[in-house]
């Protein structure tokens, strides 16, 4: 084990490499891995090689049958599986391309403009004759936001793309529309335990970050926990402007408004000395009423309507461990309402039952839901 020499010759060898890395993690050889730079270097080279290997294999085995589906497969370039999975979710968010098409960029808009390259990629994904619809978008991100051939976090890349799309958008009105599509408005309320004065700080989120417990969870229980009133310890006393001194206090997040597209981030990675993945079960519904947020709604807000609900249409899945992973996506088609599974260039029909397999809790290294994308709808509408 102290001298790890891996010679990769085929896809079987790649699988063996993955199992070796997983075994290291399973046996908690973490301190050894931190100290042994040779072993860490070998693991990094395996990850880099695999990205290049599968990109080459994809070109050879690019599945023309996937072109018959509405969901379009994407080749893996330099470990781009995370961006690929997110592009699938952006493509399924048809409202996003509709907004981007309202923008008329100047002729001088460069190749490193994220909203322009995102729009081009989403349009090219609809063109079945285009061999590599996302290559320019990837290069755009690689030049200014992320490093190629490295493991990426889907929620982090999601925020990077949306933030850069607003920052580099020359049309302020279109930039605001992109923001409004995903923006969750909240207010953090800190209440002084002595004078009861409420210190409110408004803020906004592009995804709802939900902590999960190391037991079975439900989406509803995670949401309730996010909006739960918490008493801060004495070591974290808050300075009260009215009392003019630090006082014990309570902390609470209140919901001000919900967006048309709700992105839920299941926080499956925890750092308590070292980063590890929580594969605990988190059940979620294909549809749920906005009333699930009733307990967290601000007194001054009126964002919950009885006839509104959220419908799941995309799930970004993480497979593997915190050290070594892969991202795929489940997408529900807008046309036929069928579920599809996209694993880079490979696309196949799927089912809601398969999506439910990503709840977690079954296998330590299996695929688990990481980002959930819901679209707001009305019970009274035909959609």
Protein backbone atom coordinates (compact mmCIF):
# COMPACT_ATOMS: atom_id res chain seq x y z
CA UNK A 1 0.00 0.00 0.00
CA UNK A 2 2.94 2.33 0.69
CA UNK A 3 4.07 1.97 -2.91
CA UNK A 4 1.08 2.39 -5.14
CA UNK A 5 1.85 1.88 -8.83
CA UNK A 6 -1.13 2.01 -11.11
CA UNK A 7 -0.86 1.08 -14.76
CA UNK A 8 -4.02 1.88 -16.65
CA UNK A 9 -4.57 0.05 -19.90
CA UNK A 10 -8.35 -0.20 -20.30
CA UNK A 11 -11.67 0.80 -18.86
CA UNK A 12 -11.36 -2.14 -16.47
CA UNK A 13 -8.16 -0.64 -15.12
CA UNK A 14 -9.93 2.67 -14.63
CA UNK A 15 -12.57 0.90 -12.54
CA UNK A 16 -9.84 -0.76 -10.47
CA UNK A 17 -8.25 2.66 -9.85
CA UNK A 18 -11.57 4.02 -8.64
CA UNK A 19 -11.99 1.08 -6.28
CA UNK A 20 -8.48 1.56 -4.89
CA UNK A 21 -9.15 5.19 -4.08
CA UNK A 22 -12.51 4.35 -2.54
CA UNK A 23 -10.87 1.63 -0.44
CA UNK A 24 -8.36 4.14 0.89
CA UNK A 25 -11.23 6.32 1.94
CA UNK A 26 -13.23 3.44 3.37
CA UNK A 27 -10.32 2.28 5.49
CA UNK A 28 -9.82 5.87 6.67
CA UNK A 29 -6.19 6.04 5.54
CA UNK A 30 -6.68 9.79 5.59
CA UNK A 31 -3.66 10.88 7.59
CA UNK A 32 -1.45 8.62 5.52
CA UNK A 33 -2.89 10.13 2.34
CA UNK A 34 -2.22 13.64 3.63
CA UNK A 35 1.37 12.81 4.51
CA UNK A 36 2.30 10.70 1.48
CA UNK A 37 2.68 13.18 -1.37
CA UNK A 38 3.56 10.37 -3.81
CA UNK A 39 0.28 8.58 -3.23
CA UNK A 40 -1.67 11.85 -3.40
CA UNK A 41 0.06 12.67 -6.68
CA UNK A 42 -0.81 9.26 -8.12
CA UNK A 43 -4.47 9.73 -7.16
CA UNK A 44 -4.49 13.17 -8.81
CA UNK A 45 -2.94 11.76 -11.98
CA UNK A 46 -5.56 9.01 -12.08
CA UNK A 47 -8.33 11.63 -11.90
CA UNK A 48 -6.70 13.71 -14.66
CA UNK A 49 -6.09 10.68 -16.87
CA UNK A 50 -9.65 9.44 -16.46
CA UNK A 51 -11.05 12.76 -17.64
CA UNK A 52 -8.89 12.64 -20.78
CA UNK A 53 -9.60 8.92 -21.28
CA UNK A 54 -13.35 9.25 -21.17
CA UNK A 55 -13.27 12.29 -23.46
CA UNK A 56 -11.42 10.20 -26.06
CA UNK A 57 -13.71 7.22 -25.56
CA UNK A 58 -16.74 9.45 -25.89
CA UNK A 59 -15.60 10.63 -29.30
CA UNK A 60 -15.30 7.01 -30.42
CA UNK A 61 -18.52 5.79 -28.86
CA UNK A 62 -20.60 8.96 -29.11
CA UNK A 63 -24.11 7.57 -29.00
CA UNK A 64 -26.00 8.80 -32.04
CA UNK A 65 -29.13 7.24 -30.58
CA UNK A 66 -29.12 9.92 -27.85
CA UNK A 67 -29.74 12.51 -30.55
CA UNK A 68 -33.23 11.09 -30.89
CA UNK A 69 -34.02 12.29 -27.36
CA UNK A 70 -34.92 15.83 -26.38
CA UNK A 71 -32.13 15.76 -23.79
CA UNK A 72 -28.75 16.14 -25.48
CA UNK A 73 -25.60 14.31 -24.39
CA UNK A 74 -22.39 16.30 -23.75
CA UNK A 75 -18.82 15.09 -24.12
CA UNK A 76 -16.57 15.17 -21.07
CA UNK A 77 -13.63 17.57 -21.52
CA UNK A 78 -11.03 17.83 -18.75
CA UNK A 79 -13.33 16.44 -16.04
CA UNK A 80 -16.27 18.62 -17.11
CA UNK A 81 -18.96 16.27 -15.75
CA UNK A 82 -20.04 18.85 -13.15
CA UNK A 83 -20.51 21.61 -15.74
CA UNK A 84 -22.17 19.11 -18.10
CA UNK A 85 -24.75 18.16 -15.47
CA UNK A 86 -25.45 21.83 -14.72
CA UNK A 87 -25.82 22.62 -18.44
CA UNK A 88 -28.46 19.90 -18.60
CA UNK A 89 -30.37 21.67 -15.81
CA UNK A 90 -29.95 25.07 -17.50
CA UNK A 91 -31.17 23.60 -20.78
CA UNK A 92 -34.24 22.17 -19.03
CA UNK A 93 -34.87 25.64 -17.57
CA UNK A 94 -36.35 26.93 -20.84
CA UNK A 95 -37.16 30.26 -19.17
CA UNK A 96 -33.42 31.00 -18.92
CA UNK A 97 -32.80 30.82 -22.69
CA UNK A 98 -35.94 32.86 -23.31
CA UNK A 99 -34.49 35.61 -21.10
CA UNK A 100 -31.01 35.43 -22.67
CA UNK A 101 -32.55 35.75 -26.14
CA UNK A 102 -33.90 39.18 -25.17
CA UNK A 103 -30.30 40.41 -25.00
CA UNK A 104 -28.66 41.95 -28.04
CA UNK A 105 -24.91 42.02 -27.32
CA UNK A 106 -22.63 44.37 -29.21
CA UNK A 107 -20.28 43.06 -31.86
CA UNK A 108 -17.37 43.56 -29.49
CA UNK A 109 -18.68 41.06 -26.93
CA UNK A 110 -15.82 38.58 -26.57
CA UNK A 111 -15.41 34.85 -26.39
CA UNK A 112 -14.95 35.09 -22.61
CA UNK A 113 -18.38 36.54 -21.97
CA UNK A 114 -20.25 33.98 -19.83
CA UNK A 115 -23.87 34.95 -20.65
CA UNK A 116 -23.08 35.00 -24.39
CA UNK A 117 -21.36 31.60 -24.33
CA UNK A 118 -24.09 30.18 -22.11
CA UNK A 119 -26.73 31.30 -24.57
CA UNK A 120 -24.74 29.88 -27.47
CA UNK A 121 -24.33 26.56 -25.67
CA UNK A 122 -28.03 26.26 -24.81
CA UNK A 123 -29.02 27.06 -28.40
CA UNK A 124 -26.44 24.61 -29.78
CA UNK A 125 -27.76 21.88 -27.47
CA UNK A 126 -31.05 22.18 -29.35
CA UNK A 127 -29.24 21.73 -32.67
CA UNK A 128 -28.84 17.98 -33.05
CA UNK A 129 -26.28 18.41 -35.81
CA UNK A 130 -23.86 20.33 -33.57
CA UNK A 131 -21.11 17.89 -32.41
CA UNK A 132 -19.79 19.85 -29.38
CA UNK A 133 -22.38 22.42 -28.28
CA UNK A 134 -20.69 23.29 -24.99
CA UNK A 135 -16.97 23.45 -25.86
CA UNK A 136 -16.79 27.27 -26.13
CA UNK A 137 -18.73 27.67 -22.88
CA UNK A 138 -16.28 25.37 -21.09
CA UNK A 139 -13.29 27.30 -22.46
CA UNK A 140 -14.94 30.53 -21.33
CA UNK A 141 -15.25 29.22 -17.77
CA UNK A 142 -11.76 27.71 -17.80
CA UNK A 143 -10.23 31.07 -18.73
CA UNK A 144 -11.74 33.05 -15.87
CA UNK A 145 -13.63 31.07 -13.26
CA UNK A 146 -12.63 27.43 -12.78
CA UNK A 147 -9.62 25.22 -13.37
CA UNK A 148 -9.84 22.38 -15.90
CA UNK A 149 -9.00 18.82 -14.89
CA UNK A 150 -10.05 19.38 -11.27
CA UNK A 151 -13.02 18.16 -9.25
CA UNK A 152 -15.75 20.82 -9.06
CA UNK A 153 -18.67 21.46 -6.72
CA UNK A 154 -22.01 21.75 -8.56
CA UNK A 155 -23.51 24.36 -6.23
CA UNK A 156 -20.37 26.50 -6.45
CA UNK A 157 -20.33 26.36 -10.28
CA UNK A 158 -24.08 27.10 -10.32
CA UNK A 159 -23.44 30.34 -8.41
CA UNK A 160 -20.39 31.24 -10.50
CA UNK A 161 -22.37 30.94 -13.75
CA UNK A 162 -25.31 33.00 -12.48
CA UNK A 163 -23.14 35.68 -10.87
CA UNK A 164 -20.92 36.09 -13.95
CA UNK A 165 -23.98 36.09 -16.21
CA UNK A 166 -25.27 39.12 -14.32
CA UNK A 167 -21.91 40.86 -13.98
CA UNK A 168 -21.00 40.49 -17.67
CA UNK A 169 -24.49 41.26 -18.98
CA UNK A 170 -24.59 44.66 -20.71
CA UNK A 171 -28.40 44.90 -20.47
CA UNK A 172 -29.36 45.67 -16.85
CA UNK A 173 -33.00 44.68 -17.39
CA UNK A 174 -32.06 41.24 -18.72
CA UNK A 175 -29.55 40.78 -15.88
CA UNK A 176 -32.33 41.50 -13.37
CA UNK A 177 -34.61 38.98 -15.08
CA UNK A 178 -31.96 36.28 -14.70
CA UNK A 179 -31.62 37.18 -11.04
CA UNK A 180 -35.37 37.19 -10.46
CA UNK A 181 -35.72 33.76 -12.07
CA UNK A 182 -33.72 32.09 -9.25
CA UNK A 183 -33.64 34.63 -6.40
CA UNK A 184 -34.89 33.52 -2.96
CA UNK A 185 -35.36 36.58 -0.75
CA UNK A 186 -34.91 36.09 2.99
CA UNK A 187 -34.45 38.18 6.10
CA UNK A 188 -32.13 37.20 8.92
CA UNK A 189 -33.68 38.27 12.21
CA UNK A 190 -31.63 38.59 15.40
CA UNK A 191 -33.84 39.28 18.42
CA UNK A 192 -32.40 40.76 21.60
CA UNK A 193 -33.47 38.57 24.54
CA UNK A 194 -33.61 41.59 26.88
CA UNK A 195 -35.46 44.35 24.99
CA UNK A 196 -36.97 42.11 22.23
CA UNK A 197 -35.79 44.51 19.53
CA UNK A 198 -35.57 42.80 16.12
CA UNK A 199 -32.47 43.43 14.04
CA UNK A 200 -33.45 42.46 10.49
CA UNK A 201 -30.96 42.03 7.65
CA UNK A 202 -32.40 41.29 4.18
CA UNK A 203 -30.45 39.10 1.78
CA UNK A 204 -30.97 36.85 -1.20
CA UNK A 205 -29.94 33.35 -2.28
CA UNK A 206 -29.71 31.55 -5.61
CA UNK A 207 -30.06 28.16 -3.94
CA UNK A 208 -31.61 27.07 -0.66
CA UNK A 209 -28.76 25.47 1.37
CA UNK A 210 -30.24 22.69 3.48
CA UNK A 211 -28.18 20.89 6.10
CA UNK A 212 -28.91 17.19 6.43
CA UNK A 213 -28.74 15.09 9.58
CA UNK A 214 -26.79 11.87 9.91
CA UNK A 215 -30.01 9.88 9.89
CA UNK A 216 -32.98 9.67 7.55
CA UNK A 217 -34.24 13.07 6.39
CA UNK A 218 -37.13 14.46 4.37
CA UNK A 219 -37.04 17.60 2.27
CA UNK A 220 -39.76 19.06 4.50
CA UNK A 221 -37.79 18.38 7.70
CA UNK A 222 -34.68 19.99 6.20
CA UNK A 223 -36.67 23.09 5.20
CA UNK A 224 -38.20 23.38 8.68
CA UNK A 225 -34.74 23.08 10.23
CA UNK A 226 -33.44 25.89 7.98
CA UNK A 227 -36.13 28.28 9.23
CA UNK A 228 -36.01 27.08 12.86
CA UNK A 229 -35.51 29.62 15.66
CA UNK A 230 -32.13 29.15 17.31
CA UNK A 231 -30.81 30.50 20.59
CA UNK A 232 -27.22 31.62 20.18
CA UNK A 233 -24.73 30.60 22.90
CA UNK A 234 -23.45 33.21 25.35
CA UNK A 235 -20.10 33.19 23.55
CA UNK A 236 -21.91 34.67 20.52
CA UNK A 237 -23.76 37.55 22.15
CA UNK A 238 -25.07 40.15 19.70
CA UNK A 239 -24.52 43.89 20.05
CA UNK A 240 -27.96 45.45 20.50
CA UNK A 241 -28.21 49.06 19.28
CA UNK A 242 -31.11 49.77 21.61
CA UNK A 243 -29.47 48.33 24.75
CA UNK A 244 -26.09 49.72 23.65
CA UNK A 245 -24.32 46.54 24.75
CA UNK A 246 -23.93 42.88 23.86
CA UNK A 247 -26.92 40.76 24.82
CA UNK A 248 -28.04 37.13 24.55
CA UNK A 249 -30.18 36.71 21.46
CA UNK A 250 -32.04 34.36 19.14
CA UNK A 251 -31.35 33.89 15.43
CA UNK A 252 -33.92 33.08 12.77
CA UNK A 253 -34.22 33.16 8.96
CA UNK A 254 -37.54 34.36 7.55
CA UNK A 255 -38.75 33.87 3.99
CA UNK A 256 -39.69 37.01 2.05
CA UNK A 257 -40.30 35.64 -1.46
CA UNK A 258 -39.96 32.49 -3.56
CA UNK A 259 -38.69 32.41 -7.17
CA UNK A 260 -40.19 30.83 -10.32
CA UNK A 261 -37.25 28.37 -10.30
CA UNK A 262 -36.28 26.98 -6.91
CA UNK A 263 -32.84 25.39 -6.57
CA UNK A 264 -32.42 23.27 -3.44
CA UNK A 265 -28.87 22.48 -2.33
CA UNK A 266 -28.61 19.36 -0.16
CA UNK A 267 -25.40 19.97 1.80
CA UNK A 268 -23.88 16.51 1.65
CA UNK A 269 -20.28 17.52 2.37
CA UNK A 270 -19.14 18.20 5.92
CA UNK A 271 -15.76 19.26 7.21
CA UNK A 272 -14.93 18.19 10.75
CA UNK A 273 -11.19 17.84 10.48
CA UNK A 274 -11.43 16.40 6.99
CA UNK A 275 -14.09 16.69 4.30
CA UNK A 276 -16.47 13.75 4.08
CA UNK A 277 -19.66 13.02 2.20
CA UNK A 278 -22.97 12.38 3.95
CA UNK A 279 -24.86 9.74 1.99
CA UNK A 280 -27.77 9.70 4.43
CA UNK A 281 -31.24 9.31 2.98
CA UNK A 282 -33.11 12.49 2.01
CA UNK A 283 -36.55 11.84 0.52
CA UNK A 284 -38.13 14.49 -1.70
CA UNK A 285 -41.36 14.73 -3.63
CA UNK A 286 -41.87 15.16 -7.36
CA UNK A 287 -44.40 17.88 -6.49
CA UNK A 288 -45.08 19.81 -3.29
CA UNK A 289 -47.22 22.76 -2.26
CA UNK A 290 -45.56 26.07 -1.43
CA UNK A 291 -47.34 25.70 1.92
CA UNK A 292 -44.30 23.67 3.02
CA UNK A 293 -42.64 27.06 3.68
CA UNK A 294 -45.49 28.42 5.83
CA UNK A 295 -43.57 28.15 9.11
CA UNK A 296 -40.69 30.19 7.72
CA UNK A 297 -42.67 32.96 6.05
CA UNK A 298 -42.05 36.50 7.25
CA UNK A 299 -45.00 38.29 8.85
CA UNK A 300 -44.80 41.07 6.26
CA UNK A 301 -44.50 38.69 3.29
CA UNK A 302 -47.28 37.29 1.16
CA UNK A 303 -45.33 34.88 -1.04
CA UNK A 304 -47.37 31.71 -0.48
CA UNK A 305 -50.50 31.10 -2.53
CA UNK A 306 -52.86 28.19 -2.01
CA UNK A 307 -52.97 27.27 -5.70
CA UNK A 308 -49.20 27.21 -6.24
CA UNK A 309 -46.85 24.25 -6.08
CA UNK A 310 -43.33 23.29 -7.14
CA UNK A 311 -42.71 20.58 -9.73
CA UNK A 312 -39.33 18.81 -9.92
CA UNK A 313 -37.72 18.86 -13.37
CA UNK A 314 -33.96 18.38 -12.79
CA UNK A 315 -31.71 16.61 -10.29
CA UNK A 316 -27.92 16.96 -10.26
CA UNK A 317 -26.46 13.77 -8.81
CA UNK A 318 -23.09 13.24 -7.11
CA UNK A 319 -21.52 9.79 -7.31
CA UNK A 320 -18.54 8.78 -5.19
CA UNK A 321 -16.82 10.35 -2.20
CA UNK A 322 -15.70 13.83 -1.19
CA UNK A 323 -12.24 13.03 -2.55
CA UNK A 324 -13.25 11.45 -5.81
CA UNK A 325 -16.59 11.93 -7.55
CA UNK A 326 -18.62 12.22 -10.71
CA UNK A 327 -21.73 14.26 -11.57
CA UNK A 328 -24.73 13.21 -13.66
CA UNK A 329 -28.25 14.57 -14.07
CA UNK A 330 -31.86 13.45 -14.27
CA UNK A 331 -33.93 15.72 -16.51
CA UNK A 332 -37.69 15.76 -17.06
CA UNK A 333 -38.54 16.73 -20.61
CA UNK A 334 -40.80 19.72 -21.21
CA UNK A 335 -42.32 18.07 -24.27
CA UNK A 336 -43.20 14.53 -23.25
CA UNK A 337 -42.85 14.92 -19.43
CA UNK A 338 -40.60 11.83 -19.41
CA UNK A 339 -37.52 11.52 -17.24
CA UNK A 340 -34.10 11.12 -18.88
CA UNK A 341 -30.72 10.28 -17.38
CA UNK A 342 -27.68 12.16 -18.71
CA UNK A 343 -24.20 10.86 -17.87
CA UNK A 344 -21.98 13.13 -19.97
CA UNK A 345 -22.52 12.04 -23.62
CA UNK A 346 -24.70 9.06 -22.68
CA UNK A 347 -28.43 9.78 -22.47
CA UNK A 348 -31.20 7.25 -21.90
CA UNK A 349 -34.87 7.26 -20.86
CA UNK A 350 -35.45 6.96 -17.14
CA UNK A 351 -38.26 6.90 -14.57
CA UNK A 352 -39.30 8.65 -11.38
CA UNK A 353 -38.46 5.40 -9.55
CA UNK A 354 -34.83 5.76 -10.70
CA UNK A 355 -34.78 9.37 -9.53
CA UNK A 356 -35.94 8.15 -6.12
CA UNK A 357 -32.91 5.88 -5.97
CA UNK A 358 -30.84 9.07 -5.48
CA UNK A 359 -32.41 9.65 -2.04
CA UNK A 360 -29.29 8.02 -0.57
CA UNK A 361 -28.87 5.75 2.43
CA UNK A 362 -28.40 2.59 0.37
CA UNK A 363 -24.73 2.56 -0.55
CA UNK A 364 -21.96 4.68 0.83
CA UNK A 365 -20.51 5.51 -2.58
CA UNK A 366 -23.68 5.46 -4.67
CA UNK A 367 -25.26 8.35 -6.52
CA UNK A 368 -27.09 10.83 -4.27
CA UNK A 369 -29.16 13.89 -5.15
CA UNK A 370 -27.16 17.08 -4.61
CA UNK A 371 -29.11 19.85 -6.37
CA UNK A 372 -32.88 19.78 -6.92
CA UNK A 373 -34.48 22.12 -9.47
CA UNK A 374 -38.19 22.86 -9.05
CA UNK A 375 -40.46 24.98 -11.27
CA UNK A 376 -43.33 26.94 -9.71
CA UNK A 377 -46.73 26.09 -11.19
CA UNK A 378 -50.39 26.61 -10.44
CA UNK A 379 -52.91 23.86 -9.73
CA UNK A 380 -55.45 25.89 -11.72
CA UNK A 381 -53.30 25.95 -14.87
CA UNK A 382 -53.05 23.16 -17.40
CA UNK A 383 -49.24 22.89 -16.88
